[in-house]
Each structure stands twice: as structure tokens, then as C-alpha cells.
Amino acid sequence: IIAAGLARGMTVQELTSFYTSIGPEMFQKERLLHRLR
């Protein structure tokens, strides 16, 4: 994810914002269980 973003010309801050915003949605256990169901 990071490599692709950098190769596209994104800044590190832009990618950090991506992780802080989408990270909980990707990995939070409650939402993970919802996806499994």
C-alpha cells in the first residue's frame, strides 16, 4: 500500500492520513466480525 502510494507521488503525510482513517475500519475486531457474518 505504502509503496504504491509513494510510486504514485503521494507524500508520507497523505499515506499516514490514509492509515489513521481506514486502519480502524480494516482491522477493528468488531467490524471484522461483522464482515465475517
All heavy atoms as atom14 arrays in JSON, in Angstrom:
{
  "sequence": "IIAAGLARGMTVQELTSFYTSIGPEMFQKERLLHRLR",
  "atom14_mask": [
    [1, 1, 1, 1, 1, 1, 1, 1, 0, 0, 0, 0, 0, 0],
    [1, 1, 1, 1, 1, 1, 1, 1, 0, 0, 0, 0, 0, 0],
    [1, 1, 1, 1, 1, 0, 0, 0, 0, 0, 0, 0, 0, 0],
    [1, 1, 1, 1, 1, 0, 0, 0, 0, 0, 0, 0, 0, 0],
    [1, 1, 1, 1, 0, 0, 0, 0, 0, 0, 0, 0, 0, 0],
    [1, 1, 1, 1, 1, 1, 1, 1, 0, 0, 0, 0, 0, 0],
    [1, 1, 1, 1, 1, 0, 0, 0, 0, 0, 0, 0, 0, 0],
    [1, 1, 1, 1, 1, 1, 1, 1, 1, 1, 1, 0, 0, 0],
    [1, 1, 1, 1, 0, 0, 0, 0, 0, 0, 0, 0, 0, 0],
    [1, 1, 1, 1, 1, 1, 1, 1, 0, 0, 0, 0, 0, 0],
    [1, 1, 1, 1, 1, 1, 1, 0, 0, 0, 0, 0, 0, 0],
    [1, 1, 1, 1, 1, 1, 1, 0, 0, 0, 0, 0, 0, 0],
    [1, 1, 1, 1, 1, 1, 1, 1, 1, 0, 0, 0, 0, 0],
    [1, 1, 1, 1, 1, 1, 1, 1, 1, 0, 0, 0, 0, 0],
    [1, 1, 1, 1, 1, 1, 1, 1, 0, 0, 0, 0, 0, 0],
    [1, 1, 1, 1, 1, 1, 1, 0, 0, 0, 0, 0, 0, 0],
    [1, 1, 1, 1, 1, 1, 0, 0, 0, 0, 0, 0, 0, 0],
    [1, 1, 1, 1, 1, 1, 1, 1, 1, 1, 1, 0, 0, 0],
    [1, 1, 1, 1, 1, 1, 1, 1, 1, 1, 1, 1, 0, 0],
    [1, 1, 1, 1, 1, 1, 1, 0, 0, 0, 0, 0, 0, 0],
    [1, 1, 1, 1, 1, 1, 0, 0, 0, 0, 0, 0, 0, 0],
    [1, 1, 1, 1, 1, 1, 1, 1, 0, 0, 0, 0, 0, 0],
    [1, 1, 1, 1, 0, 0, 0, 0, 0, 0, 0, 0, 0, 0],
    [1, 1, 1, 1, 1, 1, 1, 0, 0, 0, 0, 0, 0, 0],
    [1, 1, 1, 1, 1, 1, 1, 1, 1, 0, 0, 0, 0, 0],
    [1, 1, 1, 1, 1, 1, 1, 1, 0, 0, 0, 0, 0, 0],
    [1, 1, 1, 1, 1, 1, 1, 1, 1, 1, 1, 0, 0, 0],
    [1, 1, 1, 1, 1, 1, 1, 1, 1, 0, 0, 0, 0, 0],
    [1, 1, 1, 1, 1, 1, 1, 1, 1, 0, 0, 0, 0, 0],
    [1, 1, 1, 1, 1, 1, 1, 1, 1, 0, 0, 0, 0, 0],
    [1, 1, 1, 1, 1, 1, 1, 1, 1, 1, 1, 0, 0, 0],
    [1, 1, 1, 1, 1, 1, 1, 1, 0, 0, 0, 0, 0, 0],
    [1, 1, 1, 1, 1, 1, 1, 1, 0, 0, 0, 0, 0, 0],
    [1, 1, 1, 1, 1, 1, 1, 1, 1, 1, 0, 0, 0, 0],
    [1, 1, 1, 1, 1, 1, 1, 1, 1, 1, 1, 0, 0, 0],
    [1, 1, 1, 1, 1, 1, 1, 1, 0, 0, 0, 0, 0, 0],
    [1, 1, 1, 1, 1, 1, 1, 1, 1, 1, 1, 0, 0, 0]
  ],
  "atom14_positions": [
    [[0.84, -1.2, 0.0], [0.0, 0.0, 0.0], [0.87, 1.24, 0.0], [0.69, 2.18, -0.8], [-0.94, 0.02, 1.23], [-1.9, -1.17, 1.21], [-1.71, 1.33, 1.28], [-2.78, -1.26, 2.45], [0.0, 0.0, 0.0], [0.0, 0.0, 0.0], [0.0, 0.0, 0.0], [0.0, 0.0, 0.0], [0.0, 0.0, 0.0], [0.0, 0.0, 0.0]],
    [[1.85, 1.26, 0.9], [2.73, 2.42, 1.02], [3.58, 2.59, -0.24], [3.71, 3.7, -0.77], [3.63, 2.28, 2.26], [2.77, 2.18, 3.52], [4.59, 3.47, 2.37], [3.55, 1.83, 4.78], [0.0, 0.0, 0.0], [0.0, 0.0, 0.0], [0.0, 0.0, 0.0], [0.0, 0.0, 0.0], [0.0, 0.0, 0.0], [0.0, 0.0, 0.0]],
    [[4.14, 1.48, -0.74], [4.98, 1.55, -1.94], [4.19, 2.09, -3.13], [4.69, 2.94, -3.88], [5.54, 0.17, -2.26], [0.0, 0.0, 0.0], [0.0, 0.0, 0.0], [0.0, 0.0, 0.0], [0.0, 0.0, 0.0], [0.0, 0.0, 0.0], [0.0, 0.0, 0.0], [0.0, 0.0, 0.0], [0.0, 0.0, 0.0], [0.0, 0.0, 0.0]],
    [[2.97, 1.6, -3.31], [2.14, 2.07, -4.42], [1.82, 3.55, -4.28], [1.86, 4.3, -5.26], [0.85, 1.24, -4.5], [0.0, 0.0, 0.0], [0.0, 0.0, 0.0], [0.0, 0.0, 0.0], [0.0, 0.0, 0.0], [0.0, 0.0, 0.0], [0.0, 0.0, 0.0], [0.0, 0.0, 0.0], [0.0, 0.0, 0.0], [0.0, 0.0, 0.0]],
    [[1.49, 3.97, -3.06], [1.2, 5.38, -2.85], [2.39, 6.26, -3.14], [2.28, 7.3, -3.8], [0.0, 0.0, 0.0], [0.0, 0.0, 0.0], [0.0, 0.0, 0.0], [0.0, 0.0, 0.0], [0.0, 0.0, 0.0], [0.0, 0.0, 0.0], [0.0, 0.0, 0.0], [0.0, 0.0, 0.0], [0.0, 0.0, 0.0], [0.0, 0.0, 0.0]],
    [[3.57, 5.85, -2.7], [4.78, 6.63, -2.96], [5.09, 6.67, -4.45], [5.46, 7.72, -4.99], [5.97, 6.04, -2.2], [5.89, 6.08, -0.66], [7.11, 5.39, -0.06], [5.76, 7.5, -0.15], [0.0, 0.0, 0.0], [0.0, 0.0, 0.0], [0.0, 0.0, 0.0], [0.0, 0.0, 0.0], [0.0, 0.0, 0.0], [0.0, 0.0, 0.0]],
    [[4.95, 5.53, -5.12], [5.22, 5.47, -6.56], [4.24, 6.32, -7.36], [4.54, 6.78, -8.46], [5.18, 4.02, -7.05], [0.0, 0.0, 0.0], [0.0, 0.0, 0.0], [0.0, 0.0, 0.0], [0.0, 0.0, 0.0], [0.0, 0.0, 0.0], [0.0, 0.0, 0.0], [0.0, 0.0, 0.0], [0.0, 0.0, 0.0], [0.0, 0.0, 0.0]],
    [[3.05, 6.53, -6.8], [2.07, 7.4, -7.44], [2.36, 8.88, -7.2], [1.76, 9.75, -7.82], [0.67, 7.07, -6.91], [0.06, 5.81, -7.47], [-0.51, 6.04, -8.86], [-1.73, 6.86, -8.81], [-2.21, 7.55, -9.85], [-1.57, 7.54, -10.99], [-3.32, 8.26, -9.74], [0.0, 0.0, 0.0], [0.0, 0.0, 0.0], [0.0, 0.0, 0.0]],
    [[3.27, 9.17, -6.27], [3.62, 10.55, -5.99], [2.99, 11.12, -4.74], [3.0, 12.33, -4.53], [0.0, 0.0, 0.0], [0.0, 0.0, 0.0], [0.0, 0.0, 0.0], [0.0, 0.0, 0.0], [0.0, 0.0, 0.0], [0.0, 0.0, 0.0], [0.0, 0.0, 0.0], [0.0, 0.0, 0.0], [0.0, 0.0, 0.0], [0.0, 0.0, 0.0]],
    [[2.47, 10.24, -3.87], [1.87, 10.71, -2.62], [2.96, 11.07, -1.61], [4.06, 10.52, -1.64], [0.94, 9.64, -2.04], [-0.28, 9.34, -2.89], [-1.29, 7.97, -2.22], [-1.95, 8.75, -0.72], [0.0, 0.0, 0.0], [0.0, 0.0, 0.0], [0.0, 0.0, 0.0], [0.0, 0.0, 0.0], [0.0, 0.0, 0.0], [0.0, 0.0, 0.0]],
    [[2.63, 11.97, -0.69], [3.54, 12.29, 0.41], [3.36, 11.27, 1.51], [2.35, 10.56, 1.58], [3.26, 13.69, 0.98], [1.95, 13.68, 1.58], [3.32, 14.75, -0.1], [0.0, 0.0, 0.0], [0.0, 0.0, 0.0], [0.0, 0.0, 0.0], [0.0, 0.0, 0.0], [0.0, 0.0, 0.0], [0.0, 0.0, 0.0], [0.0, 0.0, 0.0]],
    [[4.33, 11.21, 2.41], [4.21, 10.32, 3.57], [3.03, 10.74, 4.43], [2.3, 9.9, 4.96], [5.52, 10.31, 4.38], [5.35, 9.5, 5.65], [6.66, 9.73, 3.54], [0.0, 0.0, 0.0], [0.0, 0.0, 0.0], [0.0, 0.0, 0.0], [0.0, 0.0, 0.0], [0.0, 0.0, 0.0], [0.0, 0.0, 0.0], [0.0, 0.0, 0.0]],
    [[2.8, 12.05, 4.56], [1.68, 12.53, 5.38], [0.35, 12.08, 4.8], [-0.57, 11.72, 5.53], [1.72, 14.05, 5.49], [0.6, 14.63, 6.36], [0.53, 14.02, 7.74], [1.53, 13.98, 8.46], [-0.63, 13.49, 8.11], [0.0, 0.0, 0.0], [0.0, 0.0, 0.0], [0.0, 0.0, 0.0], [0.0, 0.0, 0.0], [0.0, 0.0, 0.0]],
    [[0.21, 12.11, 3.49], [-1.03, 11.66, 2.85], [-1.28, 10.18, 3.15], [-2.42, 9.77, 3.42], [-0.96, 11.89, 1.35], [-1.09, 13.35, 0.96], [-0.83, 13.6, -0.51], [-0.03, 12.84, -1.11], [-1.4, 14.55, -1.07], [0.0, 0.0, 0.0], [0.0, 0.0, 0.0], [0.0, 0.0, 0.0], [0.0, 0.0, 0.0], [0.0, 0.0, 0.0]],
    [[-0.23, 9.38, 3.13], [-0.38, 7.96, 3.41], [-0.64, 7.72, 4.9], [-1.39, 6.81, 5.26], [0.88, 7.21, 2.97], [0.97, 6.99, 1.46], [2.38, 6.65, 1.03], [0.01, 5.88, 1.02], [0.0, 0.0, 0.0], [0.0, 0.0, 0.0], [0.0, 0.0, 0.0], [0.0, 0.0, 0.0], [0.0, 0.0, 0.0], [0.0, 0.0, 0.0]],
    [[-0.06, 8.54, 5.75], [-0.35, 8.44, 7.18], [-1.82, 8.73, 7.45], [-2.47, 8.04, 8.25], [0.54, 9.4, 7.98], [1.92, 9.09, 7.73], [0.29, 9.28, 9.47], [0.0, 0.0, 0.0], [0.0, 0.0, 0.0], [0.0, 0.0, 0.0], [0.0, 0.0, 0.0], [0.0, 0.0, 0.0], [0.0, 0.0, 0.0], [0.0, 0.0, 0.0]],
    [[-2.35, 9.72, 6.78], [-3.78, 10.04, 6.93], [-4.64, 8.88, 6.46], [-5.68, 8.58, 7.06], [-4.11, 11.3, 6.13], [-3.4, 12.42, 6.64], [0.0, 0.0, 0.0], [0.0, 0.0, 0.0], [0.0, 0.0, 0.0], [0.0, 0.0, 0.0], [0.0, 0.0, 0.0], [0.0, 0.0, 0.0], [0.0, 0.0, 0.0], [0.0, 0.0, 0.0]],
    [[-4.22, 8.21, 5.39], [-4.93, 7.04, 4.89], [-4.99, 5.97, 5.98], [-6.06, 5.41, 6.26], [-4.22, 6.5, 3.65], [-4.76, 5.19, 3.13], [-5.75, 5.16, 2.16], [-4.28, 3.97, 3.61], [-6.25, 3.96, 1.67], [-4.77, 2.77, 3.13], [-5.76, 2.76, 2.16], [0.0, 0.0, 0.0], [0.0, 0.0, 0.0], [0.0, 0.0, 0.0]],
    [[-3.87, 5.7, 6.63], [-3.82, 4.64, 7.65], [-4.63, 5.0, 8.89], [-5.31, 4.16, 9.46], [-2.36, 4.35, 8.04], [-1.75, 3.27, 7.19], [-1.34, 3.53, 5.89], [-1.59, 1.97, 7.66], [-0.79, 2.55, 5.09], [-1.03, 0.97, 6.87], [-0.64, 1.27, 5.58], [-0.1, 0.29, 4.8], [0.0, 0.0, 0.0], [0.0, 0.0, 0.0]],
    [[-4.53, 6.24, 9.31], [-5.25, 6.61, 10.53], [-6.76, 6.64, 10.31], [-7.53, 6.43, 11.24], [-4.77, 7.98, 11.04], [-4.87, 8.95, 9.98], [-3.34, 7.91, 11.51], [0.0, 0.0, 0.0], [0.0, 0.0, 0.0], [0.0, 0.0, 0.0], [0.0, 0.0, 0.0], [0.0, 0.0, 0.0], [0.0, 0.0, 0.0], [0.0, 0.0, 0.0]],
    [[-7.18, 6.86, 9.06], [-8.62, 6.91, 8.79], [-9.2, 5.54, 8.47], [-10.27, 5.17, 8.97], [-8.9, 7.87, 7.63], [-8.28, 7.42, 6.44], [0.0, 0.0, 0.0], [0.0, 0.0, 0.0], [0.0, 0.0, 0.0], [0.0, 0.0, 0.0], [0.0, 0.0, 0.0], [0.0, 0.0, 0.0], [0.0, 0.0, 0.0], [0.0, 0.0, 0.0]],
    [[-8.48, 4.74, 7.64], [-9.04, 3.45, 7.21], [-8.57, 2.31, 8.09], [-9.18, 1.24, 8.12], [-8.67, 3.17, 5.73], [-9.46, 1.99, 5.16], [-7.17, 2.91, 5.6], [-10.95, 2.17, 5.16], [0.0, 0.0, 0.0], [0.0, 0.0, 0.0], [0.0, 0.0, 0.0], [0.0, 0.0, 0.0], [0.0, 0.0, 0.0], [0.0, 0.0, 0.0]],
    [[-7.49, 2.49, 8.86], [-6.95, 1.42, 9.7], [-7.97, 0.79, 10.63], [-8.14, -0.43, 10.65], [0.0, 0.0, 0.0], [0.0, 0.0, 0.0], [0.0, 0.0, 0.0], [0.0, 0.0, 0.0], [0.0, 0.0, 0.0], [0.0, 0.0, 0.0], [0.0, 0.0, 0.0], [0.0, 0.0, 0.0], [0.0, 0.0, 0.0], [0.0, 0.0, 0.0]],
    [[-8.69, 1.6, 11.41], [-9.69, 1.0, 12.3], [-10.77, 0.23, 11.54], [-11.23, -0.82, 12.01], [-10.27, 2.24, 13.0], [-9.18, 3.24, 12.98], [-8.5, 3.04, 11.64], [0.0, 0.0, 0.0], [0.0, 0.0, 0.0], [0.0, 0.0, 0.0], [0.0, 0.0, 0.0], [0.0, 0.0, 0.0], [0.0, 0.0, 0.0], [0.0, 0.0, 0.0]],
    [[-11.16, 0.72, 10.38], [-12.18, 0.02, 9.59], [-11.66, -1.33, 9.09], [-12.39, -2.31, 9.02], [-12.58, 0.9, 8.4], [-13.62, 0.29, 7.48], [-15.0, 0.2, 8.13], [-15.27, 0.98, 9.06], [-15.79, -0.66, 7.7], [0.0, 0.0, 0.0], [0.0, 0.0, 0.0], [0.0, 0.0, 0.0], [0.0, 0.0, 0.0], [0.0, 0.0, 0.0]],
    [[-10.37, -1.38, 8.77], [-9.79, -2.61, 8.23], [-9.6, -3.67, 9.3], [-9.83, -4.85, 9.07], [-8.44, -2.31, 7.57], [-8.52, -1.59, 6.24], [-6.92, -1.59, 5.39], [-5.93, -0.54, 6.45], [0.0, 0.0, 0.0], [0.0, 0.0, 0.0], [0.0, 0.0, 0.0], [0.0, 0.0, 0.0], [0.0, 0.0, 0.0], [0.0, 0.0, 0.0]],
    [[-9.14, -3.25, 10.49], [-8.65, -4.23, 11.45], [-9.41, -4.32, 12.77], [-9.17, -5.23, 13.55], [-7.18, -3.95, 11.77], [-6.26, -4.18, 10.6], [-5.74, -3.11, 9.89], [-5.94, -5.46, 10.2], [-4.89, -3.32, 8.81], [-5.1, -5.68, 9.12], [-4.58, -4.6, 8.43], [0.0, 0.0, 0.0], [0.0, 0.0, 0.0], [0.0, 0.0, 0.0]],
    [[-10.32, -3.37, 13.03], [-11.01, -3.41, 14.32], [-11.83, -4.69, 14.45], [-12.57, -5.06, 13.55], [-11.92, -2.2, 14.47], [-12.36, -1.95, 15.89], [-13.02, -0.59, 16.03], [-13.74, -0.15, 15.14], [-12.77, 0.09, 17.14], [0.0, 0.0, 0.0], [0.0, 0.0, 0.0], [0.0, 0.0, 0.0], [0.0, 0.0, 0.0], [0.0, 0.0, 0.0]],
    [[-11.69, -5.38, 15.58], [-12.28, -6.71, 15.72], [-13.8, -6.7, 15.54], [-14.36, -7.59, 14.91], [-11.92, -7.29, 17.1], [-10.47, -7.76, 17.18], [-10.2, -8.41, 18.51], [-8.83, -9.08, 18.54], [-7.75, -8.09, 18.37], [0.0, 0.0, 0.0], [0.0, 0.0, 0.0], [0.0, 0.0, 0.0], [0.0, 0.0, 0.0], [0.0, 0.0, 0.0]],
    [[-14.48, -5.69, 16.09], [-15.94, -5.67, 15.96], [-16.36, -5.61, 14.5], [-17.28, -6.3, 14.07], [-16.52, -4.47, 16.74], [-16.36, -4.58, 18.24], [-14.98, -4.12, 18.71], [-14.15, -3.75, 17.85], [-14.73, -4.13, 19.93], [0.0, 0.0, 0.0], [0.0, 0.0, 0.0], [0.0, 0.0, 0.0], [0.0, 0.0, 0.0], [0.0, 0.0, 0.0]],
    [[-15.69, -4.78, 13.73], [-16.04, -4.65, 12.32], [-15.6, -5.88, 11.54], [-16.22, -6.25, 10.56], [-15.42, -3.37, 11.77], [-15.98, -2.13, 12.46], [-15.35, -0.86, 11.97], [-15.84, 0.28, 12.76], [-15.49, 1.53, 12.54], [-14.65, 1.83, 11.58], [-15.97, 2.51, 13.3], [0.0, 0.0, 0.0], [0.0, 0.0, 0.0], [0.0, 0.0, 0.0]],
    [[-14.51, -6.49, 11.96], [-14.07, -7.73, 11.33], [-15.12, -8.81, 11.49], [-15.47, -9.51, 10.53], [-12.74, -8.18, 11.95], [-12.25, -9.58, 11.57], [-12.0, -9.64, 10.06], [-10.98, -9.91, 12.33], [0.0, 0.0, 0.0], [0.0, 0.0, 0.0], [0.0, 0.0, 0.0], [0.0, 0.0, 0.0], [0.0, 0.0, 0.0], [0.0, 0.0, 0.0]],
    [[-15.68, -8.94, 12.69], [-16.72, -9.95, 12.92], [-17.95, -9.66, 12.07], [-18.6, -10.58, 11.56], [-17.09, -9.97, 14.41], [-16.02, -10.54, 15.34], [-16.43, -10.33, 16.8], [-15.78, -12.01, 15.07], [0.0, 0.0, 0.0], [0.0, 0.0, 0.0], [0.0, 0.0, 0.0], [0.0, 0.0, 0.0], [0.0, 0.0, 0.0], [0.0, 0.0, 0.0]],
    [[-18.26, -8.38, 11.88], [-19.39, -8.02, 11.03], [-19.16, -8.5, 9.6], [-20.06, -9.03, 8.96], [-19.6, -6.5, 11.06], [-20.64, -6.02, 10.09], [-21.99, -6.16, 10.32], [-20.53, -5.43, 8.87], [-22.67, -5.66, 9.29], [-21.8, -5.21, 8.41], [0.0, 0.0, 0.0], [0.0, 0.0, 0.0], [0.0, 0.0, 0.0], [0.0, 0.0, 0.0]],
    [[-17.92, -8.32, 9.1], [-17.62, -8.75, 7.73], [-17.68, -10.27, 7.62], [-18.13, -10.81, 6.61], [-16.23, -8.24, 7.31], [-16.16, -6.75, 7.14], [-15.05, -6.35, 6.21], [-13.74, -6.79, 6.64], [-12.99, -6.12, 7.49], [-13.43, -5.01, 8.04], [-11.79, -6.56, 7.82], [0.0, 0.0, 0.0], [0.0, 0.0, 0.0], [0.0, 0.0, 0.0]],
    [[-17.22, -10.96, 8.66], [-17.27, -12.42, 8.63], [-18.71, -12.92, 8.56], [-19.03, -13.85, 7.81], [-16.56, -12.99, 9.86], [-15.03, -12.87, 9.88], [-14.49, -13.3, 11.23], [-14.42, -13.7, 8.77], [0.0, 0.0, 0.0], [0.0, 0.0, 0.0], [0.0, 0.0, 0.0], [0.0, 0.0, 0.0], [0.0, 0.0, 0.0], [0.0, 0.0, 0.0]],
    [[-19.6, -12.28, 9.34], [-21.01, -12.69, 9.31], [-21.63, -12.44, 7.94], [-22.55, -13.12, 7.53], [-21.79, -11.91, 10.37], [-21.4, -12.24, 11.8], [-22.43, -11.66, 12.77], [-21.88, -11.58, 14.11], [-21.4, -10.47, 14.67], [-21.4, -9.35, 13.99], [-20.93, -10.49, 15.9], [0.0, 0.0, 0.0], [0.0, 0.0, 0.0], [0.0, 0.0, 0.0]]
  ]
}
